[in-house]
Amino acid sequence: MDLIHLSDGDNRFRVQVLGRRMPGVLPLHDLLDAEVLIESGFVNGRLALSLFPKDLASWSEALDTLAAGNEVCWTDDDRSPEIQVQALNEEHGTAAVRIEDATGSGVSVFLPLCLEEGWISDQRRLLEQVRRVWPSEVLQTSPGAYEWRR
């Protein structure tokens, strides 16, 4: 199931959620396995990604920032590729995505995307679908202590 799907027919950027890493096992039950997929006439790539509930919350905040016309940097930590999304890249006159796998392969990819009106709303719908299918069910009660949400 896609968390992010940006495509203009020529270039495509997706973050696809594959499922829970360790269903039923505290504290890793809420950890989601995902992958970044990049497709264009020039480059195709796939990169593993792990998503915590806080990553979904930060994507929601990032969508608010994009809706205001600003750029965002999402998953910019030591465990994930850095994903930058621009609502408008001035050089290309389109939205754009830049993915950098600094901690792994060292490769970065820049994709300009001619997206249709309403693309941010589409991304919000995808986020809500992911949250419905894989809701957060683990509560951290103190450092290193977890329990099931009621």
Protein backbone atom coordinates (compact mmCIF):
# COMPACT_ATOMS: atom_id res chain seq x y z
CA MET A 1 0.00 0.00 0.00
CA ASP A 2 1.37 3.40 -0.96
CA LEU A 3 2.05 6.02 1.69
CA ILE A 4 3.34 8.41 -0.98
CA HIS A 5 2.66 8.22 -4.70
CA LEU A 6 3.83 11.09 -6.89
CA SER A 7 3.79 10.56 -10.64
CA ASP A 8 3.56 12.59 -13.81
CA GLY A 9 3.65 9.65 -16.23
CA ASP A 10 7.38 10.03 -16.94
CA ASN A 11 8.75 10.12 -13.39
CA ARG A 12 7.37 8.33 -10.36
CA PHE A 13 8.26 8.46 -6.67
CA ARG A 14 6.58 6.11 -4.19
CA VAL A 15 6.93 5.05 -0.59
CA GLN A 16 5.21 1.71 -0.35
CA VAL A 17 4.36 0.20 3.05
CA LEU A 18 4.85 -3.56 3.06
CA GLY A 19 3.54 -4.35 6.55
CA ARG A 20 4.49 -4.61 10.20
CA ARG A 21 8.08 -5.62 10.94
CA MET A 22 7.23 -7.87 13.90
CA PRO A 23 3.46 -8.09 14.46
CA GLY A 24 2.50 -8.95 18.03
CA VAL A 25 5.98 -8.31 19.44
CA LEU A 26 6.44 -5.38 21.83
CA PRO A 27 7.98 -2.85 21.21
CA LEU A 28 8.44 -3.46 17.46
CA HIS A 29 4.79 -4.12 16.58
CA ASP A 30 4.25 -0.55 15.28
CA LEU A 31 7.44 -0.54 13.17
CA LEU A 32 6.49 -0.72 9.49
CA ASP A 33 8.66 -2.13 6.72
CA ALA A 34 8.52 0.02 3.60
CA GLU A 35 10.48 0.78 0.49
CA VAL A 36 11.23 3.85 -1.57
CA LEU A 37 10.62 3.27 -5.29
CA ILE A 38 11.94 5.61 -7.96
CA GLU A 39 11.06 5.14 -11.62
CA SER A 40 12.04 7.30 -14.57
CA GLY A 41 13.32 6.89 -18.11
CA PHE A 42 16.80 7.47 -16.75
CA VAL A 43 16.95 5.69 -13.40
CA ASN A 44 15.03 3.05 -11.45
CA GLY A 45 15.73 2.39 -7.81
CA ARG A 46 14.49 0.66 -4.70
CA LEU A 47 15.56 1.33 -1.15
CA ALA A 48 14.44 -0.27 2.12
CA LEU A 49 12.89 2.00 4.73
CA SER A 50 11.55 1.50 8.26
CA LEU A 51 8.74 3.71 9.50
CA PHE A 52 7.79 4.42 13.11
CA PRO A 53 4.49 6.08 14.08
CA LYS A 54 6.45 9.32 14.57
CA ASP A 55 7.47 9.15 10.88
CA LEU A 56 3.81 9.06 9.85
CA ALA A 57 3.11 12.04 12.12
CA SER A 58 6.02 13.96 10.63
CA TRP A 59 4.76 13.17 7.10
CA SER A 60 1.40 14.65 8.08
CA GLU A 61 3.18 17.81 9.26
CA ALA A 62 5.25 17.83 6.07
CA LEU A 63 2.06 17.82 3.99
CA ASP A 64 0.90 20.92 5.89
CA THR A 65 4.20 22.60 5.06
CA LEU A 66 3.93 21.62 1.39
CA ALA A 67 0.36 22.94 1.25
CA ALA A 68 1.76 26.31 2.36
CA GLY A 69 4.08 26.22 -0.68
CA ASN A 70 7.27 25.37 1.19
CA GLU A 71 9.73 22.51 0.83
CA VAL A 72 10.17 19.75 3.39
CA CYS A 73 12.84 17.33 4.43
CA TRP A 74 11.32 14.07 5.68
CA THR A 75 13.06 11.08 7.31
CA ASP A 76 16.29 13.01 7.71
CA ASP A 77 17.84 10.83 10.40
CA ASP A 78 20.74 8.39 10.55
CA ARG A 79 18.57 5.33 9.87
CA SER A 80 16.72 6.43 6.74
CA PRO A 81 17.32 8.05 3.38
CA GLU A 82 16.71 11.78 3.30
CA ILE A 83 13.63 12.67 1.29
CA GLN A 84 13.18 16.30 0.27
CA VAL A 85 9.97 17.40 -1.41
CA GLN A 86 9.51 20.80 -3.01
CA ALA A 87 6.02 22.07 -3.72
CA LEU A 88 7.63 24.18 -6.45
CA ASN A 89 11.17 23.88 -7.74
CA GLU A 90 11.88 27.26 -9.33
CA GLU A 91 14.45 25.93 -11.80
CA HIS A 92 12.04 23.38 -13.28
CA GLY A 93 8.76 25.15 -12.52
CA THR A 94 7.33 21.93 -11.08
CA ALA A 95 7.19 20.00 -7.86
CA ALA A 96 10.34 17.97 -7.22
CA VAL A 97 11.64 15.18 -5.01
CA ARG A 98 15.25 14.59 -4.01
CA ILE A 99 16.21 11.31 -2.33
CA GLU A 100 19.64 10.90 -0.78
CA ASP A 101 20.91 7.63 0.67
CA ALA A 102 23.90 9.17 2.46
CA THR A 103 24.25 6.42 5.09
CA GLY A 104 23.98 3.54 2.60
CA SER A 105 24.88 3.71 -1.05
CA GLY A 106 25.77 7.41 -1.10
CA VAL A 107 23.51 7.88 -4.15
CA SER A 108 21.09 10.75 -4.58
CA VAL A 109 18.33 11.18 -7.17
CA PHE A 110 16.44 14.33 -8.16
CA LEU A 111 13.03 13.96 -9.84
CA PRO A 112 11.08 16.93 -11.19
CA LEU A 113 7.38 16.04 -11.31
CA CYS A 114 4.59 17.83 -13.18
CA LEU A 115 1.85 17.02 -10.68
CA GLU A 116 -1.85 17.71 -11.09
CA GLU A 117 -3.81 20.06 -8.88
CA GLY A 118 -4.83 18.36 -5.62
CA TRP A 119 -1.74 16.18 -5.30
CA ILE A 120 -1.28 17.10 -1.63
CA SER A 121 -4.85 16.06 -0.84
CA ASP A 122 -4.16 12.75 -2.59
CA GLN A 123 -1.14 12.22 -0.33
CA ARG A 124 -3.25 12.95 2.77
CA ARG A 125 -5.72 10.25 1.67
CA LEU A 126 -2.90 7.74 1.25
CA LEU A 127 -1.56 8.59 4.72
CA GLU A 128 -4.98 8.06 6.28
CA GLN A 129 -5.35 4.71 4.51
CA VAL A 130 -2.00 3.56 5.92
CA ARG A 131 -3.02 4.69 9.42
CA ARG A 132 -6.31 2.77 9.14
CA VAL A 133 -4.64 -0.44 8.00
CA TRP A 134 -1.72 -0.24 10.46
CA PRO A 135 -2.84 1.84 13.45
CA SER A 136 -0.43 2.53 16.29
CA GLU A 137 -1.18 -0.10 18.92
CA VAL A 138 1.86 0.20 21.23
CA LEU A 139 2.27 2.77 23.99
CA GLN A 140 5.65 3.58 25.51
CA THR A 141 4.94 4.07 29.22
CA SER A 142 8.51 4.95 30.19
CA PRO A 143 11.95 4.54 28.60
CA GLY A 144 12.23 0.89 27.56
CA ALA A 145 8.74 -0.03 28.85
CA TYR A 146 5.84 -0.69 26.47
CA GLU A 147 2.24 -1.86 26.64
CA TRP A 148 -0.66 -2.36 24.27
CA ARG A 149 -2.98 0.61 23.73
CA ARG A 150 -6.50 -0.04 24.97
